[in-house]
Amino acid sequence: AGESSELWHHEAGCSSWLVVLRDTRTHEVI
């Protein structure tokens, strides 16, 4: 519950794989 490092795929864009650091409580992308 808090900061989490997640793997995201930009499917509808450039098709890049991204590491997104996100707060799971607020959904704020850090």
PDB file of all heavy atoms in Angstrom:
ATOM      1  N   ALA A   1       0.896  -1.153   0.000  1.00  0.00           N
ATOM      2  CA  ALA A   1       0.000   0.000   0.000  1.00  0.00           C
ATOM      3  C   ALA A   1       0.930   1.197   0.000  1.00  0.00           C
ATOM      4  O   ALA A   1       1.499   1.550   1.024  1.00  0.00           O
ATOM      5  CB  ALA A   1      -0.905   0.001   1.213  1.00  0.00           C
ATOM      6  N   GLY A   2       1.138   1.762  -1.157  1.00  0.00           N
ATOM      7  CA  GLY A   2       2.089   2.868  -1.284  1.00  0.00           C
ATOM      8  C   GLY A   2       2.820   2.757  -2.606  1.00  0.00           C
ATOM      9  O   GLY A   2       2.267   2.295  -3.600  1.00  0.00           O
ATOM     10  N   GLU A   3       4.086   3.162  -2.613  1.00  0.00           N
ATOM     11  CA  GLU A   3       4.857   3.165  -3.855  1.00  0.00           C
ATOM     12  C   GLU A   3       5.112   1.752  -4.355  1.00  0.00           C
ATOM     13  O   GLU A   3       5.527   0.879  -3.612  1.00  0.00           O
ATOM     14  CB  GLU A   3       6.182   3.897  -3.662  1.00  0.00           C
ATOM     15  CG  GLU A   3       6.006   5.386  -3.498  1.00  0.00           C
ATOM     16  CD  GLU A   3       7.326   6.126  -3.453  1.00  0.00           C
ATOM     17  OE1 GLU A   3       8.394   5.518  -3.653  1.00  0.00           O
ATOM     18  OE2 GLU A   3       7.283   7.344  -3.223  1.00  0.00           O
ATOM     19  N   SER A   4       4.850   1.571  -5.646  1.00  0.00           N
ATOM     20  CA  SER A   4       5.027   0.277  -6.287  1.00  0.00           C
ATOM     21  C   SER A   4       5.619   0.498  -7.668  1.00  0.00           C
ATOM     22  O   SER A   4       5.186   1.371  -8.420  1.00  0.00           O
ATOM     23  CB  SER A   4       3.681  -0.432  -6.405  1.00  0.00           C
ATOM     24  OG  SER A   4       3.823  -1.656  -7.057  1.00  0.00           O
ATOM     25  N   SER A   5       6.605  -0.312  -8.020  1.00  0.00           N
ATOM     26  CA  SER A   5       7.249  -0.237  -9.331  1.00  0.00           C
ATOM     27  C   SER A   5       6.586  -1.276 -10.239  1.00  0.00           C
ATOM     28  O   SER A   5       6.620  -2.470  -9.956  1.00  0.00           O
ATOM     29  CB  SER A   5       8.744  -0.513  -9.173  1.00  0.00           C
ATOM     30  OG  SER A   5       9.411  -0.291 -10.379  1.00  0.00           O
ATOM     31  N   GLU A   6       5.973  -0.805 -11.331  1.00  0.00           N
ATOM     32  CA  GLU A   6       5.182  -1.686 -12.202  1.00  0.00           C
ATOM     33  C   GLU A   6       5.668  -1.608 -13.644  1.00  0.00           C
ATOM     34  O   GLU A   6       6.179  -0.594 -14.092  1.00  0.00           O
ATOM     35  CB  GLU A   6       3.711  -1.272 -12.157  1.00  0.00           C
ATOM     36  CG  GLU A   6       3.119  -1.309 -10.773  1.00  0.00           C
ATOM     37  CD  GLU A   6       1.775  -0.629 -10.684  1.00  0.00           C
ATOM     38  OE1 GLU A   6       1.496   0.306 -11.455  1.00  0.00           O
ATOM     39  OE2 GLU A   6       0.997  -1.028  -9.809  1.00  0.00           O
ATOM     40  N   LEU A   7       5.453  -2.683 -14.359  1.00  0.00           N
ATOM     41  CA  LEU A   7       5.801  -2.761 -15.771  1.00  0.00           C
ATOM     42  C   LEU A   7       4.547  -2.474 -16.601  1.00  0.00           C
ATOM     43  O   LEU A   7       3.526  -3.142 -16.429  1.00  0.00           O
ATOM     44  CB  LEU A   7       6.343  -4.158 -16.083  1.00  0.00           C
ATOM     45  CG  LEU A   7       6.992  -4.377 -17.430  1.00  0.00           C
ATOM     46  CD1 LEU A   7       8.196  -3.458 -17.621  1.00  0.00           C
ATOM     47  CD2 LEU A   7       7.428  -5.828 -17.569  1.00  0.00           C
ATOM     48  N   TRP A   8       4.617  -1.451 -17.447  1.00  0.00           N
ATOM     49  CA  TRP A   8       3.490  -1.051 -18.280  1.00  0.00           C
ATOM     50  C   TRP A   8       3.894  -1.090 -19.750  1.00  0.00           C
ATOM     51  O   TRP A   8       5.048  -0.844 -20.094  1.00  0.00           O
ATOM     52  CB  TRP A   8       3.050   0.373 -17.936  1.00  0.00           C
ATOM     53  CG  TRP A   8       2.353   0.515 -16.625  1.00  0.00           C
ATOM     54  CD1 TRP A   8       2.879   0.314 -15.386  1.00  0.00           C
ATOM     55  CD2 TRP A   8       0.999   0.913 -16.411  1.00  0.00           C
ATOM     56  NE1 TRP A   8       1.939   0.557 -14.417  1.00  0.00           N
ATOM     57  CE2 TRP A   8       0.772   0.935 -15.018  1.00  0.00           C
ATOM     58  CE3 TRP A   8      -0.044   1.270 -17.266  1.00  0.00           C
ATOM     59  CZ2 TRP A   8      -0.446   1.284 -14.460  1.00  0.00           C
ATOM     60  CZ3 TRP A   8      -1.254   1.623 -16.700  1.00  0.00           C
ATOM     61  CH2 TRP A   8      -1.454   1.618 -15.321  1.00  0.00           C
ATOM     62  N   HIS A   9       2.930  -1.391 -20.614  1.00  0.00           N
ATOM     63  CA  HIS A   9       3.160  -1.411 -22.058  1.00  0.00           C
ATOM     64  C   HIS A   9       2.314  -0.316 -22.699  1.00  0.00           C
ATOM     65  O   HIS A   9       1.112  -0.232 -22.457  1.00  0.00           O
ATOM     66  CB  HIS A   9       2.780  -2.786 -22.628  1.00  0.00           C
ATOM     67  CG  HIS A   9       3.058  -2.929 -24.067  1.00  0.00           C
ATOM     68  ND1 HIS A   9       2.118  -3.349 -24.972  1.00  0.00           N
ATOM     69  CD2 HIS A   9       4.187  -2.695 -24.782  1.00  0.00           C
ATOM     70  CE1 HIS A   9       2.649  -3.377 -26.171  1.00  0.00           C
ATOM     71  NE2 HIS A   9       3.897  -2.981 -26.087  1.00  0.00           N
ATOM     72  N   HIS A  10       2.954   0.528 -23.527  1.00  0.00           N
ATOM     73  CA  HIS A  10       2.229   1.608 -24.197  1.00  0.00           C
ATOM     74  C   HIS A  10       1.636   1.060 -25.500  1.00  0.00           C
ATOM     75  O   HIS A  10       2.132   1.311 -26.592  1.00  0.00           O
ATOM     76  CB  HIS A  10       3.163   2.799 -24.459  1.00  0.00           C
ATOM     77  CG  HIS A  10       2.419   4.038 -24.826  1.00  0.00           C
ATOM     78  ND1 HIS A  10       3.048   5.223 -25.044  1.00  0.00           N
ATOM     79  CD2 HIS A  10       1.098   4.296 -24.990  1.00  0.00           C
ATOM     80  CE1 HIS A  10       2.157   6.157 -25.354  1.00  0.00           C
ATOM     81  NE2 HIS A  10       0.962   5.595 -25.322  1.00  0.00           N
ATOM     82  N   GLU A  11       0.561   0.321 -25.365  1.00  0.00           N
ATOM     83  CA  GLU A  11      -0.064  -0.390 -26.483  1.00  0.00           C
ATOM     84  C   GLU A  11      -0.608   0.535 -27.561  1.00  0.00           C
ATOM     85  O   GLU A  11      -0.471   0.270 -28.751  1.00  0.00           O
ATOM     86  CB  GLU A  11      -1.203  -1.276 -25.977  1.00  0.00           C
ATOM     87  CG  GLU A  11      -0.726  -2.457 -25.190  1.00  0.00           C
ATOM     88  CD  GLU A  11      -1.872  -3.322 -24.718  1.00  0.00           C
ATOM     89  OE1 GLU A  11      -3.018  -2.839 -24.628  1.00  0.00           O
ATOM     90  OE2 GLU A  11      -1.623  -4.494 -24.422  1.00  0.00           O
ATOM     91  N   ALA A  12      -1.278   1.613 -27.172  1.00  0.00           N
ATOM     92  CA  ALA A  12      -1.936   2.489 -28.146  1.00  0.00           C
ATOM     93  C   ALA A  12      -1.041   3.671 -28.532  1.00  0.00           C
ATOM     94  O   ALA A  12      -1.519   4.672 -29.037  1.00  0.00           O
ATOM     95  CB  ALA A  12      -3.257   2.998 -27.582  1.00  0.00           C
ATOM     96  N   GLY A  13       0.247   3.517 -28.299  1.00  0.00           N
ATOM     97  CA  GLY A  13       1.181   4.590 -28.616  1.00  0.00           C
ATOM     98  C   GLY A  13       2.418   4.032 -29.288  1.00  0.00           C
ATOM     99  O   GLY A  13       2.340   3.362 -30.299  1.00  0.00           O
ATOM    100  N   CYS A  14       3.556   4.247 -28.656  1.00  0.00           N
ATOM    101  CA  CYS A  14       4.847   3.906 -29.247  1.00  0.00           C
ATOM    102  C   CYS A  14       5.261   2.450 -29.029  1.00  0.00           C
ATOM    103  O   CYS A  14       6.319   2.035 -29.482  1.00  0.00           O
ATOM    104  CB  CYS A  14       5.915   4.835 -28.690  1.00  0.00           C
ATOM    105  SG  CYS A  14       6.111   4.698 -26.891  1.00  0.00           S
ATOM    106  N   SER A  15       4.471   1.658 -28.328  1.00  0.00           N
ATOM    107  CA  SER A  15       4.746   0.247 -28.014  1.00  0.00           C
ATOM    108  C   SER A  15       5.923   0.044 -27.077  1.00  0.00           C
ATOM    109  O   SER A  15       6.480  -1.043 -27.000  1.00  0.00           O
ATOM    110  CB  SER A  15       4.940  -0.584 -29.281  1.00  0.00           C
ATOM    111  OG  SER A  15       3.745  -0.651 -30.003  1.00  0.00           O
ATOM    112  N   SER A  16       6.329   1.079 -26.371  1.00  0.00           N
ATOM    113  CA  SER A  16       7.442   0.956 -25.430  1.00  0.00           C
ATOM    114  C   SER A  16       7.002   0.234 -24.164  1.00  0.00           C
ATOM    115  O   SER A  16       5.844   0.289 -23.766  1.00  0.00           O
ATOM    116  CB  SER A  16       7.951   2.343 -25.027  1.00  0.00           C
ATOM    117  OG  SER A  16       8.547   2.981 -26.110  1.00  0.00           O
ATOM    118  N   TRP A  17       7.974  -0.423 -23.534  1.00  0.00           N
ATOM    119  CA  TRP A  17       7.787  -0.995 -22.210  1.00  0.00           C
ATOM    120  C   TRP A  17       8.329   0.014 -21.217  1.00  0.00           C
ATOM    121  O   TRP A  17       9.434   0.537 -21.384  1.00  0.00           O
ATOM    122  CB  TRP A  17       8.519  -2.325 -22.090  1.00  0.00           C
ATOM    123  CG  TRP A  17       7.819  -3.402 -22.826  1.00  0.00           C
ATOM    124  CD1 TRP A  17       8.055  -3.818 -24.101  1.00  0.00           C
ATOM    125  CD2 TRP A  17       6.732  -4.183 -22.352  1.00  0.00           C
ATOM    126  NE1 TRP A  17       7.183  -4.819 -24.441  1.00  0.00           N
ATOM    127  CE2 TRP A  17       6.360  -5.070 -23.389  1.00  0.00           C
ATOM    128  CE3 TRP A  17       6.026  -4.230 -21.149  1.00  0.00           C
ATOM    129  CZ2 TRP A  17       5.324  -5.984 -23.250  1.00  0.00           C
ATOM    130  CZ3 TRP A  17       4.999  -5.153 -21.013  1.00  0.00           C
ATOM    131  CH2 TRP A  17       4.662  -6.019 -22.052  1.00  0.00           C
ATOM    132  N   LEU A  18       7.549   0.300 -20.190  1.00  0.00           N
ATOM    133  CA  LEU A  18       7.881   1.339 -19.223  1.00  0.00           C
ATOM    134  C   LEU A  18       7.862   0.784 -17.805  1.00  0.00           C
ATOM    135  O   LEU A  18       7.097  -0.132 -17.505  1.00  0.00           O
ATOM    136  CB  LEU A  18       6.868   2.481 -19.309  1.00  0.00           C
ATOM    137  CG  LEU A  18       6.600   3.064 -20.685  1.00  0.00           C
ATOM    138  CD1 LEU A  18       5.394   3.985 -20.634  1.00  0.00           C
ATOM    139  CD2 LEU A  18       7.815   3.796 -21.190  1.00  0.00           C
ATOM    140  N   VAL A  19       8.696   1.359 -16.961  1.00  0.00           N
ATOM    141  CA  VAL A  19       8.625   1.092 -15.525  1.00  0.00           C
ATOM    142  C   VAL A  19       8.002   2.330 -14.902  1.00  0.00           C
ATOM    143  O   VAL A  19       8.543   3.428 -15.004  1.00  0.00           O
ATOM    144  CB  VAL A  19      10.007   0.796 -14.922  1.00  0.00           C
ATOM    145  CG1 VAL A  19       9.901   0.662 -13.411  1.00  0.00           C
ATOM    146  CG2 VAL A  19      10.586  -0.475 -15.524  1.00  0.00           C
ATOM    147  N   VAL A  20       6.829   2.134 -14.310  1.00  0.00           N
ATOM    148  CA  VAL A  20       6.078   3.235 -13.708  1.00  0.00           C
ATOM    149  C   VAL A  20       6.109   3.064 -12.192  1.00  0.00           C
ATOM    150  O   VAL A  20       5.719   2.024 -11.678  1.00  0.00           O
ATOM    151  CB  VAL A  20       4.615   3.249 -14.221  1.00  0.00           C
ATOM    152  CG1 VAL A  20       3.801   4.319 -13.520  1.00  0.00           C
ATOM    153  CG2 VAL A  20       4.580   3.439 -15.734  1.00  0.00           C
ATOM    154  N   LEU A  21       6.605   4.087 -11.523  1.00  0.00           N
ATOM    155  CA  LEU A  21       6.564   4.116 -10.066  1.00  0.00           C
ATOM    156  C   LEU A  21       5.287   4.840  -9.686  1.00  0.00           C
ATOM    157  O   LEU A  21       5.082   5.997 -10.055  1.00  0.00           O
ATOM    158  CB  LEU A  21       7.788   4.848  -9.498  1.00  0.00           C
ATOM    159  CG  LEU A  21       7.876   4.919  -7.977  1.00  0.00           C
ATOM    160  CD1 LEU A  21       7.978   3.524  -7.363  1.00  0.00           C
ATOM    161  CD2 LEU A  21       9.073   5.765  -7.573  1.00  0.00           C
ATOM    162  N   ARG A  22       4.377   4.109  -8.999  1.00  0.00           N
ATOM    163  CA  ARG A  22       3.034   4.614  -8.745  1.00  0.00           C
ATOM    164  C   ARG A  22       2.649   4.362  -7.304  1.00  0.00           C
ATOM    165  O   ARG A  22       3.006   3.346  -6.718  1.00  0.00           O
ATOM    166  CB  ARG A  22       2.077   3.886  -9.691  1.00  0.00           C
ATOM    167  CG  ARG A  22       0.640   4.286  -9.603  1.00  0.00           C
ATOM    168  CD  ARG A  22      -0.166   3.542 -10.656  1.00  0.00           C
ATOM    169  NE  ARG A  22      -0.328   2.133 -10.356  1.00  0.00           N
ATOM    170  CZ  ARG A  22      -1.314   1.623  -9.619  1.00  0.00           C
ATOM    171  NH1 ARG A  22      -2.234   2.398  -9.103  1.00  0.00           N
ATOM    172  NH2 ARG A  22      -1.387   0.324  -9.416  1.00  0.00           N
ATOM    173  N   ASP A  23       1.907   5.299  -6.732  1.00  0.00           N
ATOM    174  CA  ASP A  23       1.359   5.121  -5.389  1.00  0.00           C
ATOM    175  C   ASP A  23       0.040   4.369  -5.533  1.00  0.00           C
ATOM    176  O   ASP A  23      -0.910   4.884  -6.139  1.00  0.00           O
ATOM    177  CB  ASP A  23       1.140   6.474  -4.705  1.00  0.00           C
ATOM    178  CG  ASP A  23       0.783   6.329  -3.241  1.00  0.00           C
ATOM    179  OD1 ASP A  23      -0.021   5.436  -2.898  1.00  0.00           O
ATOM    180  OD2 ASP A  23       1.294   7.120  -2.436  1.00  0.00           O
ATOM    181  N   THR A  24      -0.027   3.166  -5.003  1.00  0.00           N
ATOM    182  CA  THR A  24      -1.227   2.336  -5.175  1.00  0.00           C
ATOM    183  C   THR A  24      -2.420   2.852  -4.388  1.00  0.00           C
ATOM    184  O   THR A  24      -3.556   2.467  -4.666  1.00  0.00           O
ATOM    185  CB  THR A  24      -0.950   0.879  -4.755  1.00  0.00           C
ATOM    186  OG1 THR A  24      -0.544   0.851  -3.387  1.00  0.00           O
ATOM    187  CG2 THR A  24       0.106   0.249  -5.634  1.00  0.00           C
ATOM    188  N   ARG A  25      -2.176   3.747  -3.418  1.00  0.00           N
ATOM    189  CA  ARG A  25      -3.292   4.302  -2.639  1.00  0.00           C
ATOM    190  C   ARG A  25      -3.992   5.434  -3.387  1.00  0.00           C
ATOM    191  O   ARG A  25      -5.199   5.584  -3.298  1.00  0.00           O
ATOM    192  CB  ARG A  25      -2.794   4.804  -1.286  1.00  0.00           C
ATOM    193  CG  ARG A  25      -2.272   3.695  -0.391  1.00  0.00           C
ATOM    194  CD  ARG A  25      -1.548   4.271   0.778  1.00  0.00           C
ATOM    195  NE  ARG A  25      -0.376   4.999   0.248  1.00  0.00           N
ATOM    196  CZ  ARG A  25       0.632   5.403   0.974  1.00  0.00           C
ATOM    197  NH1 ARG A  25       0.637   5.205   2.258  1.00  0.00           N
ATOM    198  NH2 ARG A  25       1.649   6.027   0.428  1.00  0.00           N
ATOM    199  N   THR A  26      -3.214   6.240  -4.106  1.00  0.00           N
ATOM    200  CA  THR A  26      -3.767   7.439  -4.748  1.00  0.00           C
ATOM    201  C   THR A  26      -3.732   7.378  -6.272  1.00  0.00           C
ATOM    202  O   THR A  26      -4.302   8.225  -6.934  1.00  0.00           O
ATOM    203  CB  THR A  26      -2.972   8.682  -4.322  1.00  0.00           C
ATOM    204  OG1 THR A  26      -1.618   8.547  -4.793  1.00  0.00           O
ATOM    205  CG2 THR A  26      -2.992   8.860  -2.818  1.00  0.00           C
ATOM    206  N   HIS A  27      -3.033   6.402  -6.824  1.00  0.00           N
ATOM    207  CA  HIS A  27      -2.794   6.258  -8.265  1.00  0.00           C
ATOM    208  C   HIS A  27      -1.916   7.375  -8.834  1.00  0.00           C
ATOM    209  O   HIS A  27      -1.834   7.546 -10.040  1.00  0.00           O
ATOM    210  CB  HIS A  27      -4.099   6.154  -9.060  1.00  0.00           C
ATOM    211  CG  HIS A  27      -4.911   4.957  -8.686  1.00  0.00           C
ATOM    212  ND1 HIS A  27      -4.482   3.676  -8.901  1.00  0.00           N
ATOM    213  CD2 HIS A  27      -6.100   4.858  -8.061  1.00  0.00           C
ATOM    214  CE1 HIS A  27      -5.387   2.830  -8.444  1.00  0.00           C
ATOM    215  NE2 HIS A  27      -6.371   3.521  -7.920  1.00  0.00           N
ATOM    216  N   GLU A  28      -1.257   8.125  -7.965  1.00  0.00           N
ATOM    217  CA  GLU A  28      -0.342   9.163  -8.424  1.00  0.00           C
ATOM    218  C   GLU A  28       0.870   8.503  -9.086  1.00  0.00           C
ATOM    219  O   GLU A  28       1.488   7.603  -8.526  1.00  0.00           O
ATOM    220  CB  GLU A  28       0.139  10.013  -7.246  1.00  0.00           C
ATOM    221  CG  GLU A  28       1.217  11.011  -7.636  1.00  0.00           C
ATOM    222  CD  GLU A  28       1.897  11.645  -6.441  1.00  0.00           C
ATOM    223  OE1 GLU A  28       1.627  11.253  -5.292  1.00  0.00           O
ATOM    224  OE2 GLU A  28       2.716  12.545  -6.677  1.00  0.00           O
ATOM    225  N   VAL A  29       1.194   8.941 -10.311  1.00  0.00           N
ATOM    226  CA  VAL A  29       2.383   8.461 -10.996  1.00  0.00           C
ATOM    227  C   VAL A  29       3.549   9.334 -10.556  1.00  0.00           C
ATOM    228  O   VAL A  29       3.548  10.551 -10.765  1.00  0.00           O
ATOM    229  CB  VAL A  29       2.208   8.495 -12.526  1.00  0.00           C
ATOM    230  CG1 VAL A  29       3.501   8.111 -13.230  1.00  0.00           C
ATOM    231  CG2 VAL A  29       1.076   7.564 -12.942  1.00  0.00           C
ATOM    232  N   ILE A  30       4.527   8.724  -9.934  1.00  0.00           N
ATOM    233  CA  ILE A  30       5.668   9.443  -9.380  1.00  0.00           C
ATOM    234  C   ILE A  30       6.793   9.553 -10.395  1.00  0.00           C
ATOM    235  O   ILE A  30       7.447  10.585 -10.516  1.00  0.00           O
ATOM    236  CB  ILE A  30       6.155   8.736  -8.094  1.00  0.00           C
ATOM    237  CG1 ILE A  30       5.005   8.717  -7.079  1.00  0.00           C
ATOM    238  CG2 ILE A  30       7.407   9.381  -7.532  1.00  0.00           C
ATOM    239  CD1 ILE A  30       5.135   7.688  -6.002  1.00  0.00           C
TER     240      ILE A  30
END
